[in-house]
């Protein structure tokens, strides 16, 4: 099923695909490039990916040296 790209770079997702994915007005979609070079569109769950530093929150305390903090961020053993 083909669709045309507008001058603003927009496309209409055909209704059968919107219905299959549960996409409606205000829904978010995600695009990703597959290993074979094709583009995959999927309904985004709306949640943000957690920060890679989220698990470290509260781990560094006052009085830690720069080297200690860097080791903590790198995941190096104490």
N, C-alpha and C. Protein backbone atom coordinates (compact mmCIF):
# COMPACT_ATOMS: atom_id res chain seq x y z
N UNK A 1 0.85 -1.17 0.00
CA UNK A 1 0.00 0.00 0.00
C UNK A 1 0.90 1.23 0.00
N UNK A 2 0.75 2.08 -0.96
CA UNK A 2 1.59 3.26 -1.09
C UNK A 2 0.83 4.51 -0.63
N UNK A 3 1.58 5.49 -0.19
CA UNK A 3 1.02 6.77 0.21
C UNK A 3 1.97 7.87 -0.25
N UNK A 4 1.48 9.06 -0.41
CA UNK A 4 2.28 10.16 -0.93
C UNK A 4 2.81 11.03 0.21
N UNK A 5 4.03 11.53 0.06
CA UNK A 5 4.65 12.43 1.03
C UNK A 5 4.28 13.86 0.66
N UNK A 6 3.82 14.64 1.64
CA UNK A 6 3.46 16.03 1.38
C UNK A 6 4.72 16.90 1.35
N UNK A 7 4.56 18.16 0.98
CA UNK A 7 5.69 19.09 0.95
C UNK A 7 6.27 19.32 2.34
N UNK A 8 5.50 19.02 3.38
CA UNK A 8 5.97 19.16 4.76
C UNK A 8 6.61 17.87 5.29
N UNK A 9 6.71 16.86 4.43
CA UNK A 9 7.31 15.60 4.84
C UNK A 9 6.34 14.70 5.60
N UNK A 10 5.06 14.96 5.49
CA UNK A 10 4.05 14.18 6.20
C UNK A 10 3.47 13.10 5.31
N UNK A 11 3.07 12.00 5.93
CA UNK A 11 2.37 10.94 5.23
C UNK A 11 1.15 10.54 6.05
N UNK A 12 0.16 9.98 5.38
CA UNK A 12 -1.01 9.44 6.08
C UNK A 12 -0.79 7.95 6.27
N UNK A 13 -0.93 7.49 7.50
CA UNK A 13 -0.83 6.06 7.77
C UNK A 13 -2.18 5.46 7.36
N UNK A 14 -2.18 4.51 6.44
CA UNK A 14 -3.44 3.94 5.97
C UNK A 14 -4.28 3.36 7.13
N UNK A 15 -5.59 3.49 7.01
CA UNK A 15 -6.51 3.09 8.08
C UNK A 15 -6.32 1.64 8.53
N UNK A 16 -6.12 0.67 7.64
CA UNK A 16 -5.93 -0.70 8.13
C UNK A 16 -4.74 -0.83 9.10
N UNK A 17 -3.68 -0.07 8.83
CA UNK A 17 -2.50 -0.12 9.71
C UNK A 17 -2.79 0.59 11.03
N UNK A 18 -3.48 1.74 10.95
CA UNK A 18 -3.85 2.45 12.19
C UNK A 18 -4.73 1.57 13.06
N UNK A 19 -5.68 0.90 12.44
CA UNK A 19 -6.58 0.01 13.20
C UNK A 19 -5.79 -1.15 13.83
N UNK A 20 -4.91 -1.75 13.06
CA UNK A 20 -4.13 -2.89 13.54
C UNK A 20 -3.23 -2.49 14.72
N UNK A 21 -2.66 -1.29 14.67
CA UNK A 21 -1.74 -0.83 15.71
C UNK A 21 -2.45 -0.10 16.85
N UNK A 22 -3.73 0.18 16.68
CA UNK A 22 -4.45 0.93 17.71
C UNK A 22 -4.03 2.39 17.77
N UNK A 23 -3.72 2.95 16.61
CA UNK A 23 -3.27 4.34 16.53
C UNK A 23 -4.47 5.22 16.21
N UNK A 24 -4.65 6.26 17.01
CA UNK A 24 -5.73 7.21 16.80
C UNK A 24 -5.19 8.62 16.94
N UNK A 25 -6.07 9.60 16.85
CA UNK A 25 -5.64 10.99 17.02
C UNK A 25 -4.91 11.19 18.35
N UNK A 26 -3.75 11.81 18.29
CA UNK A 26 -2.96 12.06 19.50
C UNK A 26 -2.02 10.93 19.87
N UNK A 27 -2.11 9.79 19.18
CA UNK A 27 -1.20 8.67 19.47
C UNK A 27 0.22 9.02 19.03
N UNK A 28 1.17 8.41 19.67
CA UNK A 28 2.57 8.58 19.26
C UNK A 28 3.01 7.31 18.55
N UNK A 29 3.82 7.48 17.51
CA UNK A 29 4.38 6.35 16.80
C UNK A 29 5.90 6.45 16.83
N UNK A 30 6.54 5.30 16.73
CA UNK A 30 8.00 5.24 16.73
C UNK A 30 8.45 4.60 15.42
N UNK A 31 9.53 5.11 14.87
CA UNK A 31 10.12 4.55 13.66
C UNK A 31 11.48 3.98 14.03
N UNK A 32 11.80 2.82 13.46
CA UNK A 32 13.14 2.27 13.66
C UNK A 32 13.59 1.60 12.37
N UNK A 33 14.88 1.60 12.17
CA UNK A 33 15.46 1.00 10.99
C UNK A 33 15.81 -0.45 11.32
N UNK A 34 15.26 -1.38 10.56
CA UNK A 34 15.53 -2.80 10.76
C UNK A 34 16.88 -3.17 10.14
N UNK A 35 17.40 -4.32 10.55
CA UNK A 35 18.70 -4.77 10.04
C UNK A 35 18.73 -4.92 8.52
N UNK A 36 17.58 -5.24 7.92
CA UNK A 36 17.53 -5.43 6.47
C UNK A 36 17.34 -4.12 5.70
N UNK A 37 17.32 -2.98 6.44
CA UNK A 37 17.18 -1.68 5.80
C UNK A 37 15.76 -1.18 5.69
N UNK A 38 14.80 -2.01 6.06
CA UNK A 38 13.41 -1.56 6.02
C UNK A 38 13.10 -0.70 7.25
N UNK A 39 12.04 0.09 7.15
CA UNK A 39 11.63 0.95 8.25
C UNK A 39 10.42 0.31 8.92
N UNK A 40 10.47 0.24 10.23
CA UNK A 40 9.37 -0.35 11.00
C UNK A 40 8.68 0.77 11.76
N UNK A 41 7.35 0.80 11.70
CA UNK A 41 6.58 1.78 12.45
C UNK A 41 5.80 1.01 13.51
N UNK A 42 5.81 1.52 14.72
CA UNK A 42 5.08 0.88 15.80
C UNK A 42 4.49 1.93 16.73
N UNK A 43 3.45 1.56 17.42
CA UNK A 43 2.84 2.47 18.38
C UNK A 43 3.81 2.64 19.53
N UNK A 44 4.08 3.90 19.88
CA UNK A 44 4.97 4.18 21.00
C UNK A 44 4.15 4.06 22.28
N UNK A 45 4.76 3.54 23.33
CA UNK A 45 4.01 3.36 24.57
C UNK A 45 3.91 4.65 25.37
N UNK A 46 4.58 5.69 24.92
CA UNK A 46 4.47 6.99 25.59
C UNK A 46 5.39 7.16 26.78
N UNK A 47 6.07 6.09 27.18
CA UNK A 47 6.98 6.23 28.32
C UNK A 47 8.37 6.55 27.81
N UNK A 48 9.06 7.36 28.56
CA UNK A 48 10.42 7.71 28.18
C UNK A 48 11.37 6.60 28.62
N UNK A 49 12.42 6.44 27.85
CA UNK A 49 13.45 5.49 28.22
C UNK A 49 14.19 6.04 29.43
N UNK A 50 14.38 5.21 30.47
CA UNK A 50 15.05 5.73 31.66
C UNK A 50 16.48 6.15 31.36
N UNK A 51 16.92 7.14 32.06
CA UNK A 51 18.29 7.62 31.90
C UNK A 51 19.26 6.52 32.31
N UNK A 52 20.38 6.46 31.62
CA UNK A 52 21.37 5.45 31.99
C UNK A 52 21.98 5.74 33.35
N UNK A 53 21.74 6.94 33.87
CA UNK A 53 22.25 7.31 35.19
C UNK A 53 21.19 7.17 36.28
N UNK A 54 19.96 6.79 35.91
CA UNK A 54 18.87 6.72 36.89
C UNK A 54 19.19 5.78 38.04
N UNK A 55 19.81 4.66 37.75
CA UNK A 55 20.16 3.69 38.80
C UNK A 55 21.23 4.18 39.75
N UNK A 56 21.95 5.20 39.35
CA UNK A 56 23.03 5.73 40.20
C UNK A 56 22.56 6.87 41.10
N UNK A 57 21.33 7.33 40.86
CA UNK A 57 20.82 8.47 41.62
C UNK A 57 20.90 8.17 43.12
N UNK A 58 21.53 9.07 43.85
CA UNK A 58 21.66 8.92 45.30
C UNK A 58 22.87 8.11 45.73
N UNK A 59 23.66 7.59 44.78
CA UNK A 59 24.82 6.76 45.12
C UNK A 59 26.04 7.58 45.51
N UNK A 60 26.21 8.73 44.89
CA UNK A 60 27.38 9.57 45.18
C UNK A 60 27.03 10.46 46.36
N UNK A 61 27.89 10.44 47.34
CA UNK A 61 27.62 11.24 48.53
C UNK A 61 28.63 12.37 48.69
N UNK A 62 28.37 13.25 49.64
CA UNK A 62 29.31 14.34 49.90
C UNK A 62 30.66 13.78 50.34
N UNK A 63 31.67 14.44 49.93
CA UNK A 63 33.01 14.03 50.32
C UNK A 63 33.66 13.04 49.37
N UNK A 64 32.94 12.62 48.34
CA UNK A 64 33.55 11.69 47.38
C UNK A 64 34.49 12.46 46.46
N UNK A 65 35.60 11.84 46.14
CA UNK A 65 36.55 12.47 45.23
C UNK A 65 36.04 12.32 43.79
N UNK A 66 36.61 13.10 42.90
CA UNK A 66 36.26 13.00 41.49
C UNK A 66 36.56 11.60 40.97
N UNK A 67 37.68 11.03 41.37
CA UNK A 67 38.04 9.68 40.93
C UNK A 67 37.02 8.65 41.41
N UNK A 68 36.53 8.80 42.64
CA UNK A 68 35.53 7.87 43.17
C UNK A 68 34.21 7.99 42.40
N UNK A 69 33.82 9.21 42.09
CA UNK A 69 32.59 9.42 41.33
C UNK A 69 32.73 8.86 39.92
N UNK A 70 33.87 9.09 39.27
CA UNK A 70 34.09 8.57 37.93
C UNK A 70 34.08 7.05 37.93
N UNK A 71 34.68 6.42 38.93
CA UNK A 71 34.67 4.95 39.04
C UNK A 71 33.24 4.45 39.21
N UNK A 72 32.44 5.15 40.00
CA UNK A 72 31.04 4.79 40.18
C UNK A 72 30.28 4.86 38.85
N UNK A 73 30.48 5.93 38.10
CA UNK A 73 29.81 6.09 36.81
C UNK A 73 30.25 5.05 35.79
N UNK A 74 31.48 4.63 35.88
CA UNK A 74 32.01 3.62 34.95
C UNK A 74 31.62 2.21 35.35
N UNK A 75 31.10 2.04 36.57
CA UNK A 75 30.73 0.71 37.04
C UNK A 75 31.91 -0.09 37.51
N UNK A 76 32.98 0.58 37.87
CA UNK A 76 34.18 -0.10 38.33
C UNK A 76 33.99 -0.56 39.77
N UNK A 77 34.54 -1.71 40.13
CA UNK A 77 34.43 -2.19 41.50
C UNK A 77 35.14 -1.25 42.47
N UNK A 78 34.66 -1.25 43.70
CA UNK A 78 35.23 -0.34 44.71
C UNK A 78 36.57 -0.81 45.20
